[in-house]
Amino acid sequence: MKWSRYNFLFHSEKISYALFNSRMLSFSILDKKTYEILSAVKNDIHSVSSLLSQDDINRLKKKKVLVQDNEDDNYLGMLRYRKQLQSYTSKTLGMVICPTLSCNFACPYCYEHNLPKSVMKPQTQQQMVDFINSHSFGKENITLNWHGGEPLVAFKTMQQIYSILEKQSKLPIGHSSMVSNGYLLTEEICKYLEEKKLDYIQITIDGNKNTHDRTRVLKNGGSSFDRIIENIDMATELMPNCRIGVRTNIGRDNMDEYVDLYHQLTRRWKDKNCTIYHAYVLDNGINTSKEKRCALELTTKEKNNLEVMLAPNGIRDKKSLFPKIDSGTYTCMDCDAFVIAPDGTLYKCWADVGIKERAIGSLASGVTNNKIVSQFMVGTDKFADTRCLNCGFLPICDGGCNLYRVGKIEKGIPYDVCNLDEQGLIHYLETYLETV
């Protein structure tokens, strides 16, 4: 019998004494005496029988606070199995399609600014359909994620691809989405995408007007903020079945204005099919400029403090701060998901597009570079990372971004994929308790 690695026994001014278990998502408020007893058990498991009754021991075993010697490791094995099952048994063929790598913006932090500006030619479109059909066995549908560059720069190419898929693909289109800067949306485009049942668009607003226009810059140097806002207004009306996610990339240069921006945009699109959310600027070490992006990246502590700050400001539901088991999977971890460049080159991550040494093959030849595939699906496995295996946060963290791991490992740079630390967990739970 041992103290589970997924236990967090702590004392804080707001909570007093508490025990959280990340495996079971159990959270108990303790009195001082119980806290001291559990602290003693944590430090010396052999003291458990003299400090606790058998009934107490049985209750702690049921809650997985006390576990058998190999139980935590068996739990890790189960998590790993479930993750691999997701990666290798999908009923969907995932296609991230870049009809072009051209963009009408010249964002200073963009990792794609030196990429070729071609569009996907008809021959490549045919190869893509052939590729889909050759990978259709056992699949129920395809998911489309339009990416770029800016995909709407090549809107006519998108129309061509839709047409050939509808006529020749053995698989129907299921979920479909698009990542766009939103500047080129028109009434015609909105009506067309609604007809094609596009169900999600991500559009970025990087801060208030001044900040946004400084970082989301048109190639001619012009402002983009006002037009994007107006285009989102239009899209909410013309695309009622498409959810619009308005994303703000938060770094040190704009973190102080996010609260005001959030409330401004929320008021504007109240009762519309529009969600305002944030993500964090990340230096993945492969295709980002250290001086341009890494300096903007927040530490884990800074991110946690910001998340807690958002709750009393009405941005996050305090209940949402309670940790959850993270079990998602992504393109790079799905053996049947691919990113397709305009020239037909295949990748496992859209941030790799245009970096030839990061390609995994092509539509014409199939997957030929298994080293990169293995790097994502096996080499960066958090279940092979000693730090993750010994970390109590793994069930609620899931090991972070694989591309981040790849970039840091390739360059031999120390990396920290954690999105939560113990002090952050305490702050989250303190804020959550205000709701119960």
Protein backbone atom coordinates (compact mmCIF):
# COMPACT_ATOMS: atom_id res chain seq x y z
CA MET A 1 0.00 0.00 0.00
CA LYS A 2 1.23 3.52 -0.81
CA TRP A 3 0.24 7.17 -1.01
CA SER A 4 -1.05 7.88 -4.53
CA ARG A 5 1.03 10.19 -6.69
CA TYR A 6 -2.24 11.84 -7.75
CA ASN A 7 -2.90 13.26 -4.28
CA PHE A 8 -2.48 16.94 -3.51
CA LEU A 9 -2.60 17.53 0.24
CA PHE A 10 -2.37 21.22 1.00
CA HIS A 11 -3.14 24.12 3.30
CA SER A 12 -4.28 27.54 2.12
CA GLU A 13 -5.66 30.61 3.85
CA LYS A 14 -8.97 30.49 1.97
CA ILE A 15 -9.59 26.73 2.07
CA SER A 16 -7.73 25.88 5.27
CA TYR A 17 -6.89 22.16 4.85
CA ALA A 18 -7.78 20.08 1.81
CA LEU A 19 -7.06 16.98 -0.27
CA PHE A 20 -7.49 16.78 -4.06
CA ASN A 21 -7.01 13.63 -6.13
CA SER A 22 -6.51 14.25 -9.87
CA ARG A 23 -7.29 10.66 -10.85
CA MET A 24 -10.72 10.60 -9.20
CA LEU A 25 -11.31 14.38 -9.33
CA SER A 26 -12.20 14.13 -5.64
CA PHE A 27 -11.91 17.20 -3.45
CA SER A 28 -12.24 17.07 0.35
CA ILE A 29 -12.07 19.82 2.95
CA LEU A 30 -10.26 18.53 6.05
CA ASP A 31 -9.97 19.54 9.68
CA LYS A 32 -6.51 20.19 11.06
CA LYS A 33 -6.25 16.85 12.85
CA THR A 34 -7.12 14.84 9.71
CA TYR A 35 -4.68 16.93 7.69
CA GLU A 36 -1.89 16.19 10.15
CA ILE A 37 -2.70 12.47 10.16
CA LEU A 38 -2.68 12.31 6.35
CA SER A 39 0.53 14.31 6.24
CA ALA A 40 2.11 11.73 8.51
CA VAL A 41 0.82 8.89 6.33
CA LYS A 42 2.13 10.63 3.21
CA ASN A 43 5.59 10.92 4.76
CA ASP A 44 5.60 7.41 6.23
CA ILE A 45 3.14 4.91 4.79
CA HIS A 46 4.10 2.39 7.49
CA SER A 47 2.38 4.60 10.07
CA VAL A 48 -1.04 4.16 8.45
CA SER A 49 -2.21 1.24 10.60
CA SER A 50 -1.34 3.06 13.84
CA LEU A 51 -2.92 6.37 12.78
CA LEU A 52 -6.07 5.23 11.01
CA SER A 53 -8.81 2.69 11.65
CA GLN A 54 -9.42 -0.06 9.13
CA ASP A 55 -12.67 1.63 8.11
CA ASP A 56 -10.78 4.86 7.42
CA ILE A 57 -8.15 2.97 5.44
CA ASN A 58 -10.85 1.26 3.37
CA ARG A 59 -12.51 4.61 2.61
CA LEU A 60 -9.19 6.08 1.51
CA LYS A 61 -8.56 3.05 -0.69
CA LYS A 62 -11.97 3.46 -2.30
CA LYS A 63 -11.15 7.10 -3.08
CA LYS A 64 -7.72 6.01 -4.46
CA VAL A 65 -5.92 8.13 -1.89
CA LEU A 66 -4.21 4.96 -0.72
CA VAL A 67 -3.40 2.49 -3.50
CA GLN A 68 -1.68 -0.82 -4.01
CA ASP A 69 2.00 -0.62 -4.89
CA ASN A 70 1.42 -1.03 -8.64
CA GLU A 71 -2.01 0.58 -8.87
CA ASP A 72 -0.91 4.03 -10.07
CA ASP A 73 1.21 2.39 -12.77
CA ASN A 74 -1.71 0.23 -13.86
CA TYR A 75 -3.84 3.35 -14.08
CA LEU A 76 -1.21 4.95 -16.33
CA GLY A 77 -1.31 1.87 -18.53
CA MET A 78 -5.07 2.22 -18.86
CA LEU A 79 -4.74 5.93 -19.78
CA ARG A 80 -2.11 5.08 -22.37
CA TYR A 81 -4.29 2.33 -23.85
CA ARG A 82 -7.28 4.68 -24.13
CA LYS A 83 -5.14 7.34 -25.80
CA GLN A 84 -3.74 4.86 -28.32
CA LEU A 85 -7.24 3.49 -28.95
CA GLN A 86 -8.34 7.02 -29.90
CA SER A 87 -5.30 7.39 -32.15
CA TYR A 88 -5.72 4.16 -34.09
CA THR A 89 -9.44 3.39 -34.22
CA SER A 90 -11.08 6.55 -35.53
CA LYS A 91 -14.06 6.10 -37.84
CA THR A 92 -13.31 9.47 -39.41
CA LEU A 93 -10.69 10.49 -41.97
CA GLY A 94 -9.39 13.88 -40.88
CA MET A 95 -8.35 16.30 -43.65
CA VAL A 96 -6.82 19.67 -42.87
CA ILE A 97 -6.75 21.32 -46.29
CA CYS A 98 -4.63 24.35 -47.15
CA PRO A 99 -5.93 25.53 -50.54
CA THR A 100 -3.18 28.17 -50.45
CA LEU A 101 -0.39 29.37 -48.18
CA SER A 102 -0.89 32.94 -49.36
CA CYS A 103 -2.26 35.46 -46.93
CA ASN A 104 -3.52 39.01 -47.13
CA PHE A 105 -1.98 39.75 -43.73
CA ALA A 106 1.64 40.30 -42.67
CA CYS A 107 1.46 39.52 -38.96
CA PRO A 108 4.89 40.09 -37.37
CA TYR A 109 4.77 36.87 -35.32
CA CYS A 110 3.56 34.59 -38.13
CA TYR A 111 5.58 31.44 -38.77
CA GLU A 112 4.30 31.18 -42.36
CA HIS A 113 5.51 34.46 -43.86
CA ASN A 114 8.23 32.90 -46.04
CA LEU A 115 6.14 30.08 -47.50
CA PRO A 116 5.32 29.70 -51.23
CA LYS A 117 2.13 31.46 -52.39
CA SER A 118 0.70 28.91 -54.84
CA VAL A 119 -2.86 27.55 -54.80
CA MET A 120 -3.94 23.93 -55.04
CA LYS A 121 -4.15 22.96 -58.71
CA PRO A 122 -6.83 20.69 -60.24
CA GLN A 123 -4.34 17.82 -60.59
CA THR A 124 -3.59 17.99 -56.85
CA GLN A 125 -7.29 18.19 -56.04
CA GLN A 126 -7.81 14.96 -57.99
CA GLN A 127 -4.93 13.34 -56.12
CA MET A 128 -6.57 14.36 -52.86
CA VAL A 129 -9.84 12.66 -53.79
CA ASP A 130 -7.93 9.56 -54.86
CA PHE A 131 -6.07 9.61 -51.54
CA ILE A 132 -9.34 9.91 -49.60
CA ASN A 133 -10.89 7.03 -51.53
CA SER A 134 -7.84 4.83 -50.98
CA HIS A 135 -8.11 5.48 -47.22
CA SER A 136 -11.89 5.11 -47.00
CA PHE A 137 -12.05 1.50 -45.77
CA GLY A 138 -13.62 1.32 -42.33
CA LYS A 139 -14.36 5.06 -42.29
CA GLU A 140 -17.78 6.66 -42.01
CA ASN A 141 -17.00 10.20 -43.17
CA ILE A 142 -14.34 12.85 -43.60
CA THR A 143 -13.84 15.99 -41.55
CA LEU A 144 -12.67 19.11 -43.32
CA ASN A 145 -10.67 21.85 -41.68
CA TRP A 146 -9.84 24.70 -44.05
CA HIS A 147 -6.50 26.23 -43.17
CA GLY A 148 -3.78 28.32 -44.75
CA GLY A 149 -2.27 30.86 -45.17
CA GLU A 150 -5.65 32.46 -45.40
CA PRO A 151 -7.99 29.96 -47.09
CA LEU A 152 -10.36 32.66 -48.39
CA VAL A 153 -7.56 34.07 -50.55
CA ALA A 154 -8.23 30.94 -52.59
CA PHE A 155 -12.02 30.84 -52.27
CA LYS A 156 -12.49 29.71 -55.88
CA THR A 157 -10.13 26.82 -55.18
CA MET A 158 -12.20 25.93 -52.11
CA GLN A 159 -15.28 25.81 -54.33
CA GLN A 160 -13.48 23.52 -56.77
CA ILE A 161 -12.48 21.18 -53.94
CA TYR A 162 -16.01 21.06 -52.57
CA SER A 163 -17.29 20.22 -56.05
CA ILE A 164 -14.85 17.38 -56.68
CA LEU A 165 -15.40 15.93 -53.22
CA GLU A 166 -19.17 15.94 -53.65
CA LYS A 167 -18.88 14.23 -57.04
CA GLN A 168 -16.11 11.68 -56.47
CA SER A 169 -15.45 11.07 -52.76
CA LYS A 170 -16.52 7.70 -51.36
CA LEU A 171 -16.95 9.35 -47.96
CA PRO A 172 -19.47 12.07 -47.11
CA ILE A 173 -18.36 15.27 -45.45
CA GLY A 174 -19.09 15.25 -41.73
CA HIS A 175 -17.89 18.03 -39.48
CA SER A 176 -16.31 20.96 -41.34
CA SER A 177 -14.54 24.05 -40.05
CA MET A 178 -12.25 26.87 -41.09
CA VAL A 179 -9.47 28.95 -39.56
CA SER A 180 -9.62 32.42 -41.08
CA ASN A 181 -8.61 35.98 -40.31
CA GLY A 182 -12.15 36.98 -41.31
CA TYR A 183 -11.14 39.96 -43.44
CA LEU A 184 -12.24 38.49 -46.79
CA LEU A 185 -15.67 37.27 -45.72
CA THR A 186 -18.40 38.55 -48.02
CA GLU A 187 -22.12 38.00 -48.33
CA GLU A 188 -21.49 35.60 -51.22
CA ILE A 189 -18.93 33.58 -49.28
CA CYS A 190 -21.07 33.41 -46.13
CA LYS A 191 -24.09 32.14 -48.06
CA TYR A 192 -21.95 29.57 -49.87
CA LEU A 193 -20.36 28.23 -46.67
CA GLU A 194 -23.76 28.06 -44.98
CA GLU A 195 -25.03 26.04 -47.94
CA LYS A 196 -22.03 23.68 -47.59
CA LYS A 197 -22.88 23.22 -43.89
CA LEU A 198 -19.65 24.67 -42.54
CA ASP A 199 -20.26 24.42 -38.81
CA TYR A 200 -17.36 26.34 -37.24
CA ILE A 201 -15.11 29.31 -38.08
CA GLN A 202 -12.22 30.49 -35.93
CA ILE A 203 -11.43 34.19 -36.33
CA THR A 204 -8.75 36.01 -34.37
CA ILE A 205 -9.09 39.41 -32.69
CA ASP A 206 -5.76 40.09 -30.99
CA GLY A 207 -6.82 42.89 -28.66
CA ASN A 208 -8.44 46.31 -28.84
CA LYS A 209 -8.34 48.21 -32.12
CA ASN A 210 -4.86 49.65 -31.62
CA THR A 211 -3.28 46.39 -30.47
CA HIS A 212 -5.03 44.31 -33.13
CA ASP A 213 -4.06 46.65 -35.95
CA ARG A 214 -0.46 46.49 -34.77
CA THR A 215 -0.27 42.67 -34.82
CA ARG A 216 -2.87 41.67 -37.44
CA VAL A 217 -1.49 43.86 -40.20
CA LEU A 218 -2.65 43.95 -43.81
CA LYS A 219 0.14 43.53 -46.34
CA ASN A 220 -0.45 47.08 -47.48
CA GLY A 221 -0.08 48.23 -43.89
CA GLY A 222 -3.77 49.03 -43.49
CA SER A 223 -6.08 48.47 -40.53
CA SER A 224 -8.07 45.25 -40.28
CA PHE A 225 -9.98 45.54 -36.98
CA ASP A 226 -13.12 47.40 -38.07
CA ARG A 227 -13.71 45.31 -41.18
CA ILE A 228 -13.28 42.00 -39.34
CA ILE A 229 -15.78 43.11 -36.68
CA GLU A 230 -18.28 44.08 -39.38
CA ASN A 231 -17.72 40.78 -41.19
CA ILE A 232 -18.42 38.82 -38.02
CA ASP A 233 -21.62 40.85 -37.64
CA MET A 234 -22.59 39.73 -41.14
CA ALA A 235 -21.60 36.10 -40.59
CA THR A 236 -23.73 35.77 -37.46
CA GLU A 237 -26.75 36.77 -39.54
CA LEU A 238 -26.05 34.86 -42.76
CA MET A 239 -24.63 31.69 -41.19
CA PRO A 240 -27.02 30.81 -38.34
CA ASN A 241 -25.91 27.16 -38.33
CA CYS A 242 -22.23 27.96 -38.11
CA ARG A 243 -20.64 28.64 -34.74
CA ILE A 244 -18.07 31.44 -34.77
CA GLY A 245 -15.18 31.26 -32.34
CA VAL A 246 -13.51 34.63 -31.82
CA ARG A 247 -10.05 33.92 -30.49
CA THR A 248 -7.60 36.25 -28.77
CA ASN A 249 -3.97 35.16 -28.63
CA ILE A 250 -2.71 36.32 -25.25
CA GLY A 251 0.88 37.27 -24.58
CA ARG A 252 2.58 39.83 -22.39
CA ASP A 253 1.79 42.63 -24.82
CA ASN A 254 -2.03 42.32 -24.62
CA MET A 255 -2.94 40.40 -21.46
CA ASP A 256 -4.02 43.53 -19.61
CA GLU A 257 -6.68 44.46 -22.14
CA TYR A 258 -8.35 41.08 -22.61
CA VAL A 259 -11.04 41.61 -19.95
CA ASP A 260 -12.31 44.80 -21.57
CA LEU A 261 -12.12 43.28 -25.04
CA TYR A 262 -14.05 40.20 -23.94
CA HIS A 263 -16.90 42.23 -22.49
CA GLN A 264 -16.96 44.57 -25.49
CA LEU A 265 -17.29 41.68 -27.96
CA THR A 266 -19.69 39.71 -25.77
CA ARG A 267 -22.08 42.65 -25.59
CA ARG A 268 -21.84 43.13 -29.36
CA TRP A 269 -22.71 39.54 -30.17
CA LYS A 270 -25.05 38.75 -27.32
CA ASP A 271 -27.51 35.98 -28.27
CA LYS A 272 -25.57 35.29 -31.47
CA ASN A 273 -23.85 32.06 -32.55
CA CYS A 274 -20.55 33.53 -31.42
CA THR A 275 -18.14 32.52 -28.63
CA ILE A 276 -15.30 34.68 -27.34
CA TYR A 277 -12.29 32.79 -26.00
CA HIS A 278 -8.54 33.06 -25.54
CA ALA A 279 -5.42 31.04 -26.19
CA TYR A 280 -1.79 31.64 -25.31
CA VAL A 281 1.12 32.61 -27.53
CA LEU A 282 3.45 29.62 -27.75
CA ASP A 283 7.03 29.26 -28.90
CA ASN A 284 7.24 25.70 -30.26
CA GLY A 285 10.94 25.90 -31.06
CA ILE A 286 10.64 24.72 -34.68
CA ASN A 287 9.13 27.44 -36.78
CA THR A 288 8.79 30.44 -34.50
CA SER A 289 11.14 33.33 -34.09
CA LYS A 290 12.45 33.42 -30.54
CA GLU A 291 12.76 37.18 -30.48
CA LYS A 292 9.25 37.62 -31.92
CA ARG A 293 7.26 35.07 -29.94
CA CYS A 294 9.12 33.56 -27.05
CA ALA A 295 9.37 36.93 -25.35
CA LEU A 296 5.58 37.12 -25.43
CA GLU A 297 4.97 33.67 -23.94
CA LEU A 298 3.57 33.61 -20.40
CA THR A 299 4.89 31.28 -17.73
CA THR A 300 2.67 28.57 -16.26
CA LYS A 301 2.25 30.68 -13.12
CA GLU A 302 1.25 33.75 -15.14
CA LYS A 303 -1.31 31.74 -17.14
CA ASN A 304 -2.82 30.24 -13.98
CA ASN A 305 -3.03 33.64 -12.31
CA LEU A 306 -4.75 35.08 -15.38
CA GLU A 307 -7.29 32.23 -15.52
CA VAL A 308 -8.20 32.80 -11.87
CA MET A 309 -8.45 36.54 -12.47
CA LEU A 310 -10.92 36.00 -15.32
CA ALA A 311 -13.49 34.36 -13.03
CA PRO A 312 -14.45 37.36 -10.87
CA ASN A 313 -14.49 39.43 -14.05
CA GLY A 314 -17.33 37.36 -15.43
CA ILE A 315 -15.32 35.71 -18.20
CA ARG A 316 -14.90 32.27 -16.75
CA ASP A 317 -17.55 30.43 -14.83
CA LYS A 318 -15.96 29.77 -11.46
CA LYS A 319 -17.21 26.19 -11.64
CA SER A 320 -15.23 25.72 -14.86
CA LEU A 321 -12.01 26.12 -12.89
CA PHE A 322 -12.54 22.73 -11.28
CA PRO A 323 -10.10 20.37 -13.05
CA LYS A 324 -11.33 17.87 -15.65
CA ILE A 325 -9.82 14.72 -17.12
CA ASP A 326 -8.20 15.72 -20.42
CA SER A 327 -8.76 13.01 -23.02
CA GLY A 328 -8.75 14.89 -26.34
CA THR A 329 -6.85 13.83 -29.44
CA TYR A 330 -5.48 15.93 -32.30
CA THR A 331 -4.41 15.62 -35.93
CA CYS A 332 -0.81 14.82 -35.04
CA MET A 333 -1.94 11.96 -32.78
CA ASP A 334 -4.51 10.47 -35.17
CA CYS A 335 -3.06 7.94 -37.61
CA ASP A 336 -5.87 8.75 -40.08
CA ALA A 337 -5.59 12.53 -40.02
CA PHE A 338 -3.46 14.59 -42.42
CA VAL A 339 -2.57 18.18 -43.22
CA ILE A 340 -2.44 18.81 -46.97
CA ALA A 341 -0.38 21.64 -48.44
CA PRO A 342 -1.38 23.26 -51.77
CA ASP A 343 1.24 21.21 -53.64
CA GLY A 344 -0.08 17.94 -52.18
CA THR A 345 2.63 17.50 -49.54
CA LEU A 346 1.39 15.78 -46.38
CA TYR A 347 2.12 16.86 -42.80
CA LYS A 348 0.96 15.85 -39.31
CA CYS A 349 0.68 19.38 -37.89
CA TRP A 350 -0.46 22.57 -39.62
CA ALA A 351 2.37 24.49 -37.97
CA ASP A 352 4.80 22.27 -39.93
CA VAL A 353 3.34 23.16 -43.34
CA GLY A 354 5.99 24.45 -45.73
CA ILE A 355 8.91 22.98 -43.78
CA LYS A 356 9.92 20.25 -46.22
CA GLU A 357 11.98 18.30 -43.72
CA ARG A 358 8.84 18.03 -41.58
CA ALA A 359 6.75 16.49 -44.40
CA ILE A 360 5.52 12.91 -44.01
CA GLY A 361 4.89 12.26 -47.71
CA SER A 362 2.55 13.40 -50.46
CA LEU A 363 -0.88 12.70 -51.91
CA ALA A 364 0.77 10.98 -54.86
CA SER A 365 3.19 8.75 -52.96
CA GLY A 366 1.39 8.37 -49.63
CA VAL A 367 3.16 8.39 -46.27
CA THR A 368 6.89 7.89 -46.82
CA ASN A 369 8.52 9.62 -43.84
CA ASN A 370 7.54 7.44 -40.93
CA LYS A 371 10.18 9.08 -38.77
CA ILE A 372 8.06 12.23 -38.41
CA VAL A 373 4.86 10.21 -37.92
CA SER A 374 6.56 8.16 -35.24
CA GLN A 375 7.97 11.32 -33.69
CA PHE A 376 4.47 12.65 -33.08
CA MET A 377 2.66 9.43 -32.27
CA VAL A 378 5.37 7.62 -30.32
CA GLY A 379 8.50 9.73 -29.76
CA THR A 380 6.71 12.50 -27.91
CA ASP A 381 4.50 10.13 -25.97
CA LYS A 382 3.88 11.68 -22.56
CA PHE A 383 3.60 8.14 -21.22
CA ALA A 384 7.29 7.71 -22.04
CA ASP A 385 8.25 10.99 -20.36
CA THR A 386 9.54 10.30 -16.85
CA ARG A 387 8.47 13.72 -15.65
CA CYS A 388 4.91 13.15 -16.85
CA LEU A 389 4.77 9.62 -15.47
CA ASN A 390 5.72 10.88 -12.03
CA CYS A 391 3.52 13.95 -12.17
CA GLY A 392 0.23 14.17 -10.30
CA PHE A 393 -1.20 16.51 -12.92
CA LEU A 394 -1.06 14.07 -15.86
CA PRO A 395 -4.76 13.04 -15.79
CA ILE A 396 -5.89 16.68 -15.98
CA CYS A 397 -3.03 17.98 -18.15
CA ASP A 398 -2.57 15.24 -20.79
CA GLY A 399 1.04 16.23 -21.33
CA GLY A 400 0.62 19.38 -23.38
CA CYS A 401 1.23 20.09 -27.07
CA ASN A 402 3.18 17.43 -29.01
CA LEU A 403 4.63 19.95 -31.46
CA TYR A 404 6.02 21.87 -28.51
CA ARG A 405 7.71 18.68 -27.34
CA VAL A 406 9.05 17.93 -30.83
CA GLY A 407 10.53 21.40 -31.24
CA LYS A 408 12.24 21.47 -27.89
CA ILE A 409 13.52 17.89 -28.16
CA GLU A 410 14.94 18.48 -31.66
CA LYS A 411 16.82 21.55 -30.50
CA GLY A 412 17.87 20.07 -27.18
CA ILE A 413 16.09 22.88 -25.34
CA PRO A 414 14.65 22.26 -21.85
CA TYR A 415 10.89 22.42 -22.09
CA ASP A 416 7.95 22.71 -19.78
CA VAL A 417 4.66 21.59 -21.29
CA CYS A 418 2.75 21.99 -18.04
CA ASN A 419 -0.33 24.17 -18.08
CA LEU A 420 -0.90 23.89 -14.33
CA ASP A 421 1.18 23.96 -11.18
CA GLU A 422 0.27 23.22 -7.57
CA GLN A 423 -0.21 26.87 -6.63
CA GLY A 424 -2.42 27.30 -9.67
CA LEU A 425 -4.45 24.25 -8.68
CA ILE A 426 -4.96 25.70 -5.20
CA HIS A 427 -6.10 29.02 -6.66
CA TYR A 428 -8.49 27.21 -9.02
CA LEU A 429 -10.03 25.23 -6.17
CA GLU A 430 -10.27 28.33 -3.95
CA THR A 431 -12.20 30.14 -6.68
CA TYR A 432 -14.37 27.11 -7.41
CA LEU A 433 -15.37 26.90 -3.72
CA GLU A 434 -16.91 30.36 -3.96
CA THR A 435 -19.70 28.74 -6.03
CA VAL A 436 -20.64 25.94 -3.64
